[in-house]
Amino acid sequence: MCIKNSKAVVAAKNGNSEEFAFNSGVRQGDGMSATLFNIVKGRIVKNSHAEGTIINKSVQIIAYADDLALIAKDKKSLSKLLTLITNEASKRGLDINVKKTKYLSASKRQGRRDKKEIEI
């Protein structure tokens, strides 16, 4: 359902904002909301110019619902890909939730793990 002539307040740590009116948007949970989000997410992925596949030992992006899995051959490539995705998302008013961001390092060689954090 599209939103028309609605009012809202924003709840923040230090209290609520003043009530304000807005005349456009889509309610969260509405079928159109997911469709619009997927369109925007598709543009973010496409415009990040992530190239290659795992077979070519480059980078790959897997998207499902509101999640993205970024796969890269090394920490440097992953960090670069994350920066590209973050910048593209920011252009569209979206932010990466750092608290929900996880990463996994995998290697065939024992003891090769890099335990350093990846900067976002």
N, C-alpha and C. Protein backbone atom coordinates (compact mmCIF):
# COMPACT_ATOMS: atom_id res chain seq x y z
N MET A 1 0.84 -1.17 0.00
CA MET A 1 0.00 0.00 0.00
C MET A 1 0.89 1.24 0.00
N CYS A 2 0.64 2.17 -0.89
CA CYS A 2 1.41 3.40 -0.94
C CYS A 2 0.99 4.32 0.20
N ILE A 3 1.94 5.08 0.66
CA ILE A 3 1.69 6.00 1.77
C ILE A 3 1.28 7.35 1.19
N LYS A 4 0.19 7.92 1.70
CA LYS A 4 -0.25 9.26 1.31
C LYS A 4 -0.68 10.01 2.55
N ASN A 5 -0.30 11.27 2.62
CA ASN A 5 -0.72 12.16 3.70
C ASN A 5 -0.57 11.52 5.08
N SER A 6 0.62 11.04 5.38
CA SER A 6 0.87 10.40 6.67
C SER A 6 1.74 11.27 7.55
N LYS A 7 1.76 10.96 8.82
CA LYS A 7 2.60 11.67 9.79
C LYS A 7 3.40 10.64 10.56
N ALA A 8 4.59 11.05 11.02
CA ALA A 8 5.45 10.13 11.75
C ALA A 8 6.36 10.90 12.69
N VAL A 9 6.98 10.16 13.59
CA VAL A 9 8.05 10.68 14.44
C VAL A 9 9.21 9.69 14.33
N VAL A 10 10.41 10.18 14.56
CA VAL A 10 11.58 9.32 14.54
C VAL A 10 12.03 9.10 15.97
N ALA A 11 12.13 7.84 16.38
CA ALA A 11 12.59 7.51 17.73
C ALA A 11 14.11 7.38 17.70
N ALA A 12 14.79 8.12 18.56
CA ALA A 12 16.25 8.09 18.66
C ALA A 12 16.65 7.86 20.11
N LYS A 13 17.93 7.65 20.34
CA LYS A 13 18.43 7.40 21.70
C LYS A 13 18.09 8.53 22.66
N ASN A 14 18.15 9.75 22.16
CA ASN A 14 17.92 10.91 23.03
C ASN A 14 16.48 11.42 22.99
N GLY A 15 15.55 10.62 22.50
CA GLY A 15 14.14 11.00 22.47
C GLY A 15 13.55 10.98 21.08
N ASN A 16 12.31 11.40 20.99
CA ASN A 16 11.59 11.40 19.71
C ASN A 16 11.68 12.75 19.02
N SER A 17 11.63 12.72 17.69
CA SER A 17 11.63 13.96 16.92
C SER A 17 10.25 14.59 16.97
N GLU A 18 10.16 15.77 16.43
CA GLU A 18 8.85 16.41 16.24
C GLU A 18 8.09 15.62 15.17
N GLU A 19 6.79 15.64 15.25
CA GLU A 19 5.98 14.97 14.24
C GLU A 19 6.15 15.69 12.90
N PHE A 20 6.24 14.92 11.83
CA PHE A 20 6.38 15.51 10.50
C PHE A 20 5.49 14.75 9.52
N ALA A 21 5.12 15.44 8.45
CA ALA A 21 4.25 14.86 7.43
C ALA A 21 5.10 14.35 6.26
N PHE A 22 4.64 13.29 5.62
CA PHE A 22 5.27 12.83 4.39
C PHE A 22 4.17 12.28 3.48
N ASN A 23 4.41 12.41 2.18
CA ASN A 23 3.36 12.10 1.21
C ASN A 23 3.73 11.02 0.21
N SER A 24 4.85 10.37 0.41
CA SER A 24 5.22 9.32 -0.55
C SER A 24 5.98 8.22 0.17
N GLY A 25 5.96 7.05 -0.41
CA GLY A 25 6.67 5.91 0.16
C GLY A 25 5.84 4.66 0.10
N VAL A 26 6.42 3.59 0.60
CA VAL A 26 5.75 2.29 0.63
C VAL A 26 5.95 1.73 2.03
N ARG A 27 4.89 1.18 2.60
CA ARG A 27 4.99 0.62 3.95
C ARG A 27 5.92 -0.59 3.97
N GLN A 28 6.72 -0.69 5.04
CA GLN A 28 7.60 -1.84 5.21
C GLN A 28 6.73 -3.10 5.32
N GLY A 29 7.13 -4.16 4.65
CA GLY A 29 6.36 -5.39 4.66
C GLY A 29 5.41 -5.52 3.49
N ASP A 30 5.11 -4.41 2.82
CA ASP A 30 4.26 -4.44 1.64
C ASP A 30 5.02 -5.14 0.51
N GLY A 31 4.31 -5.87 -0.34
CA GLY A 31 4.94 -6.57 -1.46
C GLY A 31 5.73 -5.64 -2.36
N MET A 32 5.24 -4.43 -2.54
CA MET A 32 5.94 -3.46 -3.38
C MET A 32 7.26 -3.03 -2.74
N SER A 33 7.32 -3.01 -1.41
CA SER A 33 8.53 -2.63 -0.70
C SER A 33 9.69 -3.56 -1.05
N ALA A 34 9.44 -4.87 -1.01
CA ALA A 34 10.48 -5.85 -1.34
C ALA A 34 10.90 -5.73 -2.80
N THR A 35 9.95 -5.50 -3.68
CA THR A 35 10.25 -5.37 -5.11
C THR A 35 11.14 -4.16 -5.36
N LEU A 36 10.77 -3.02 -4.78
CA LEU A 36 11.57 -1.81 -4.95
C LEU A 36 12.97 -1.98 -4.37
N PHE A 37 13.06 -2.61 -3.19
CA PHE A 37 14.36 -2.85 -2.57
C PHE A 37 15.23 -3.73 -3.47
N ASN A 38 14.65 -4.77 -4.05
CA ASN A 38 15.42 -5.66 -4.93
C ASN A 38 15.90 -4.94 -6.19
N ILE A 39 15.10 -4.02 -6.70
CA ILE A 39 15.53 -3.23 -7.86
C ILE A 39 16.74 -2.38 -7.49
N VAL A 40 16.66 -1.71 -6.35
CA VAL A 40 17.77 -0.86 -5.90
C VAL A 40 19.00 -1.71 -5.61
N LYS A 41 18.81 -2.84 -4.94
CA LYS A 41 19.94 -3.73 -4.62
C LYS A 41 20.61 -4.21 -5.91
N GLY A 42 19.81 -4.54 -6.92
CA GLY A 42 20.36 -4.97 -8.20
C GLY A 42 21.22 -3.90 -8.84
N ARG A 43 20.78 -2.65 -8.74
CA ARG A 43 21.56 -1.53 -9.29
C ARG A 43 22.88 -1.36 -8.53
N ILE A 44 22.81 -1.53 -7.21
CA ILE A 44 24.02 -1.40 -6.39
C ILE A 44 25.05 -2.45 -6.82
N VAL A 45 24.61 -3.69 -6.94
CA VAL A 45 25.51 -4.77 -7.33
C VAL A 45 26.05 -4.53 -8.74
N LYS A 46 25.17 -4.18 -9.67
CA LYS A 46 25.58 -3.95 -11.06
C LYS A 46 26.58 -2.80 -11.16
N ASN A 47 26.31 -1.71 -10.47
CA ASN A 47 27.16 -0.53 -10.57
C ASN A 47 28.44 -0.63 -9.74
N SER A 48 28.56 -1.66 -8.91
CA SER A 48 29.81 -1.84 -8.16
C SER A 48 30.91 -2.39 -9.07
N HIS A 49 30.52 -2.85 -10.25
CA HIS A 49 31.45 -3.37 -11.26
C HIS A 49 32.29 -4.52 -10.72
N ALA A 50 31.70 -5.36 -9.90
CA ALA A 50 32.40 -6.56 -9.43
C ALA A 50 32.59 -7.49 -10.61
N GLU A 51 33.81 -7.86 -10.87
CA GLU A 51 34.10 -8.68 -12.04
C GLU A 51 34.65 -10.03 -11.64
N GLY A 52 34.45 -11.01 -12.48
CA GLY A 52 35.07 -12.31 -12.29
C GLY A 52 34.19 -13.31 -11.59
N THR A 53 34.73 -14.48 -11.39
CA THR A 53 34.04 -15.55 -10.69
C THR A 53 35.03 -16.24 -9.76
N ILE A 54 34.52 -17.10 -8.92
CA ILE A 54 35.39 -17.85 -8.03
C ILE A 54 36.34 -18.74 -8.83
N ILE A 55 35.85 -19.26 -9.94
CA ILE A 55 36.70 -20.11 -10.79
C ILE A 55 37.93 -19.34 -11.25
N ASN A 56 37.73 -18.05 -11.56
CA ASN A 56 38.83 -17.20 -11.99
C ASN A 56 39.58 -16.60 -10.80
N LYS A 57 39.20 -16.99 -9.61
CA LYS A 57 39.82 -16.53 -8.37
C LYS A 57 39.79 -15.01 -8.25
N SER A 58 38.66 -14.44 -8.57
CA SER A 58 38.47 -13.00 -8.44
C SER A 58 37.42 -12.75 -7.36
N VAL A 59 36.35 -12.03 -7.69
CA VAL A 59 35.31 -11.73 -6.70
C VAL A 59 33.94 -12.13 -7.23
N GLN A 60 33.00 -12.31 -6.30
CA GLN A 60 31.64 -12.68 -6.67
C GLN A 60 30.69 -12.15 -5.61
N ILE A 61 29.48 -11.83 -6.03
CA ILE A 61 28.45 -11.35 -5.12
C ILE A 61 27.25 -12.28 -5.24
N ILE A 62 26.75 -12.73 -4.09
CA ILE A 62 25.54 -13.54 -4.05
C ILE A 62 24.51 -12.74 -3.25
N ALA A 63 23.32 -12.55 -3.80
CA ALA A 63 22.28 -11.76 -3.13
C ALA A 63 21.06 -12.62 -2.84
N TYR A 64 20.52 -12.46 -1.62
CA TYR A 64 19.29 -13.14 -1.24
C TYR A 64 18.54 -12.25 -0.25
N ALA A 65 17.28 -11.98 -0.54
CA ALA A 65 16.45 -11.09 0.30
C ALA A 65 17.20 -9.79 0.52
N ASP A 66 17.45 -9.40 1.77
CA ASP A 66 18.18 -8.15 2.00
C ASP A 66 19.63 -8.41 2.39
N ASP A 67 20.14 -9.59 2.07
CA ASP A 67 21.52 -9.95 2.38
C ASP A 67 22.37 -10.01 1.12
N LEU A 68 23.64 -9.68 1.29
CA LEU A 68 24.63 -9.84 0.23
C LEU A 68 25.78 -10.66 0.78
N ALA A 69 26.24 -11.63 0.01
CA ALA A 69 27.45 -12.38 0.36
C ALA A 69 28.52 -11.96 -0.64
N LEU A 70 29.60 -11.40 -0.15
CA LEU A 70 30.71 -10.98 -0.99
C LEU A 70 31.81 -12.03 -0.86
N ILE A 71 32.27 -12.55 -1.98
CA ILE A 71 33.27 -13.61 -1.97
C ILE A 71 34.48 -13.12 -2.76
N ALA A 72 35.66 -13.27 -2.16
CA ALA A 72 36.88 -12.80 -2.81
C ALA A 72 38.03 -13.74 -2.48
N LYS A 73 39.08 -13.66 -3.29
CA LYS A 73 40.22 -14.57 -3.10
C LYS A 73 41.12 -14.15 -1.95
N ASP A 74 41.09 -12.87 -1.57
CA ASP A 74 41.95 -12.42 -0.48
C ASP A 74 41.32 -11.21 0.21
N LYS A 75 41.91 -10.84 1.34
CA LYS A 75 41.37 -9.76 2.15
C LYS A 75 41.37 -8.43 1.39
N LYS A 76 42.41 -8.17 0.62
CA LYS A 76 42.51 -6.92 -0.15
C LYS A 76 41.37 -6.81 -1.16
N SER A 77 41.10 -7.90 -1.89
CA SER A 77 40.01 -7.90 -2.87
C SER A 77 38.66 -7.75 -2.20
N LEU A 78 38.48 -8.41 -1.05
CA LEU A 78 37.23 -8.31 -0.31
C LEU A 78 37.01 -6.89 0.19
N SER A 79 38.06 -6.28 0.72
CA SER A 79 37.96 -4.91 1.22
C SER A 79 37.60 -3.95 0.09
N LYS A 80 38.21 -4.14 -1.08
CA LYS A 80 37.92 -3.29 -2.24
C LYS A 80 36.46 -3.46 -2.67
N LEU A 81 36.00 -4.71 -2.73
CA LEU A 81 34.62 -4.99 -3.12
C LEU A 81 33.65 -4.39 -2.12
N LEU A 82 33.94 -4.52 -0.84
CA LEU A 82 33.08 -3.96 0.20
C LEU A 82 33.01 -2.44 0.08
N THR A 83 34.13 -1.80 -0.23
CA THR A 83 34.14 -0.35 -0.43
C THR A 83 33.27 0.04 -1.62
N LEU A 84 33.38 -0.69 -2.72
CA LEU A 84 32.55 -0.40 -3.90
C LEU A 84 31.07 -0.54 -3.58
N ILE A 85 30.69 -1.62 -2.91
CA ILE A 85 29.29 -1.85 -2.55
C ILE A 85 28.80 -0.76 -1.60
N THR A 86 29.61 -0.42 -0.60
CA THR A 86 29.25 0.61 0.38
C THR A 86 29.03 1.95 -0.31
N ASN A 87 29.91 2.32 -1.23
CA ASN A 87 29.78 3.59 -1.95
C ASN A 87 28.52 3.62 -2.81
N GLU A 88 28.25 2.53 -3.52
CA GLU A 88 27.05 2.46 -4.36
C GLU A 88 25.78 2.51 -3.51
N ALA A 89 25.78 1.83 -2.37
CA ALA A 89 24.62 1.85 -1.48
C ALA A 89 24.40 3.26 -0.94
N SER A 90 25.48 3.91 -0.56
CA SER A 90 25.39 5.27 -0.01
C SER A 90 24.79 6.26 -1.02
N LYS A 91 25.11 6.09 -2.29
CA LYS A 91 24.55 6.96 -3.34
C LYS A 91 23.03 6.86 -3.40
N ARG A 92 22.50 5.74 -2.93
CA ARG A 92 21.05 5.50 -2.96
C ARG A 92 20.40 5.62 -1.59
N GLY A 93 21.15 6.20 -0.64
CA GLY A 93 20.59 6.44 0.68
C GLY A 93 20.57 5.23 1.59
N LEU A 94 21.33 4.19 1.25
CA LEU A 94 21.38 2.99 2.08
C LEU A 94 22.74 2.88 2.77
N ASP A 95 22.75 2.30 3.96
CA ASP A 95 23.98 2.10 4.71
C ASP A 95 24.18 0.62 4.99
N ILE A 96 25.43 0.22 5.08
CA ILE A 96 25.77 -1.14 5.50
C ILE A 96 25.73 -1.17 7.02
N ASN A 97 25.00 -2.11 7.60
CA ASN A 97 24.91 -2.23 9.05
C ASN A 97 26.15 -2.98 9.55
N VAL A 98 27.12 -2.23 10.06
CA VAL A 98 28.38 -2.81 10.49
C VAL A 98 28.18 -3.84 11.60
N LYS A 99 27.22 -3.61 12.48
CA LYS A 99 26.97 -4.54 13.59
C LYS A 99 26.46 -5.89 13.11
N LYS A 100 25.84 -5.93 11.94
CA LYS A 100 25.32 -7.19 11.40
C LYS A 100 26.25 -7.80 10.35
N THR A 101 27.36 -7.12 10.09
CA THR A 101 28.30 -7.58 9.06
C THR A 101 29.23 -8.65 9.64
N LYS A 102 29.34 -9.75 8.94
CA LYS A 102 30.21 -10.86 9.35
C LYS A 102 31.11 -11.23 8.18
N TYR A 103 32.27 -11.79 8.50
CA TYR A 103 33.10 -12.32 7.43
C TYR A 103 33.76 -13.62 7.87
N LEU A 104 34.09 -14.42 6.89
CA LEU A 104 34.66 -15.74 7.11
C LEU A 104 35.88 -15.89 6.22
N SER A 105 36.95 -16.36 6.79
CA SER A 105 38.16 -16.63 6.02
C SER A 105 38.32 -18.14 5.93
N ALA A 106 38.57 -18.63 4.74
CA ALA A 106 38.74 -20.07 4.54
C ALA A 106 40.01 -20.33 3.74
N SER A 107 40.72 -21.37 4.11
CA SER A 107 41.96 -21.72 3.41
C SER A 107 42.16 -23.23 3.45
N LYS A 108 42.78 -23.75 2.42
CA LYS A 108 43.12 -25.17 2.41
C LYS A 108 44.35 -25.43 3.28
N ARG A 109 45.15 -24.39 3.47
CA ARG A 109 46.39 -24.54 4.24
C ARG A 109 46.15 -24.20 5.71
N GLN A 110 46.60 -25.07 6.57
CA GLN A 110 46.46 -24.85 8.00
C GLN A 110 47.41 -23.73 8.44
N GLY A 111 46.93 -22.88 9.35
CA GLY A 111 47.76 -21.81 9.89
C GLY A 111 47.85 -20.58 9.01
N ARG A 112 47.11 -20.53 7.93
CA ARG A 112 47.19 -19.40 7.01
C ARG A 112 46.16 -18.32 7.32
N ARG A 113 45.39 -18.50 8.33
CA ARG A 113 44.30 -17.57 8.63
C ARG A 113 44.81 -16.21 9.07
N ASP A 114 44.20 -15.18 8.53
CA ASP A 114 44.50 -13.80 8.91
C ASP A 114 43.40 -13.34 9.84
N LYS A 115 43.72 -13.12 11.10
CA LYS A 115 42.70 -12.80 12.09
C LYS A 115 42.44 -11.30 12.23
N LYS A 116 43.01 -10.49 11.36
CA LYS A 116 42.80 -9.05 11.42
C LYS A 116 41.40 -8.71 10.93
N GLU A 117 40.84 -7.65 11.52
CA GLU A 117 39.51 -7.17 11.12
C GLU A 117 39.60 -6.51 9.75
N ILE A 118 38.50 -6.55 9.02
CA ILE A 118 38.39 -5.84 7.75
C ILE A 118 37.71 -4.52 8.03
N GLU A 119 38.32 -3.43 7.59
CA GLU A 119 37.77 -2.09 7.82
C GLU A 119 36.58 -1.85 6.89
N ILE A 120 35.51 -1.29 7.46
CA ILE A 120 34.33 -0.94 6.68
C ILE A 120 34.19 0.56 6.68
